[in-house]
Amino acid sequence: MSPIDVVLDAPGRWSEPVRATLGSLPRSFAVVPDAPADGRPWVAALDGGSGWAVRALEIAARGPACVVLLHPELQDPASLAGLLRVGRAPFVVQTHWSGSPGAAALASVGGDGRTLPAGLRVLDSRLVVPVGSHLGATFAGQLALLRACVGPVAHVRGVSWGAWGYCARVVLADGTAATASAVISDAEAPSARLLAVGAAAVLEASAPWWTSAAPAVVTRLDARGATTAPEVYESAARATWRRVRDLVAGEQPGDDLAGWIDDQAAAFAVASTRGSVTS
């Protein structure tokens, strides 16, 4: 398979990171200035900065095989409805957590013998994010992480906001109650943590920031002792692009957009009713 052409609609903040990541996958991708004219499949990398929804409609109309949406900012849900009504290529959404081997490791709590503990008593998700992070976008990313790991959030029952974090009570689609919190701090490395406490077992999983290639850690503690599973060394950015390659090649289905719109709509509603949620 020849390298897939990638058109960067990601000026400024994401152009160099994307080029660096694609440079580590030279047999899979090649950055080009514009879409190929001969009908070969190509991928668009879209900056998720302000106004990304309008730009996404324009790009989708050009016929890419996939659109990679990079760290999207919160948008008014009304501005996103058009994306779901038009025929378009699948979207892969890269947030600070989704797409990483770490997120996949957290998602593995649902299988491979590392299922959520029976008689679930506590389900808690906690993020540490760097100073300067936007709490509304952080909350949307956390909802997306919960969707990938244990299921979509159906209701947000209450959120306490502060200048340096939040704590939310949420209910998953299957009725499971959980807490989701985040802290803005440079005192420790950014990370995502999932804790599930059952009647006879505890499962704890943690994943690093999207730029880190450090592996996730998944540990199960029960009457037999603690078991830690080996995980993959790879950054979220590189893992996301490998997923894009498989999607374009038809080896893996997937479209993140509908789920992301649901998650960011919930975060937008909470952020809008709480006023400014920036640090």
Foldseek 3Di string as FASTA:
>chain_A
DAAAEEAEQAPDPCPVVLVVLVVVVVRHHDYDNDDDPPPGAHEYEHEQDPPRQVVVVVVFVVPHQEYEYELHDFDALVSNVVVVVDDGHFYHYDHFDPQWLQLVVLQCCCDPPNDFAAAWDAKEKEKEAEAFDFALSVQLVVQVSCCSRPRHWDDWPDKDADQFKIKTWTAGPVGDIYIYMYGHDPPDFIKMKIWIDHPFKIWIKMDGTQVFQDFIWIWMQGPVGIDIDDTGRDGSSNSSVVVVSCCSVVNDDDHCPVVSSVSSNNSVVVPVVVDGRTD
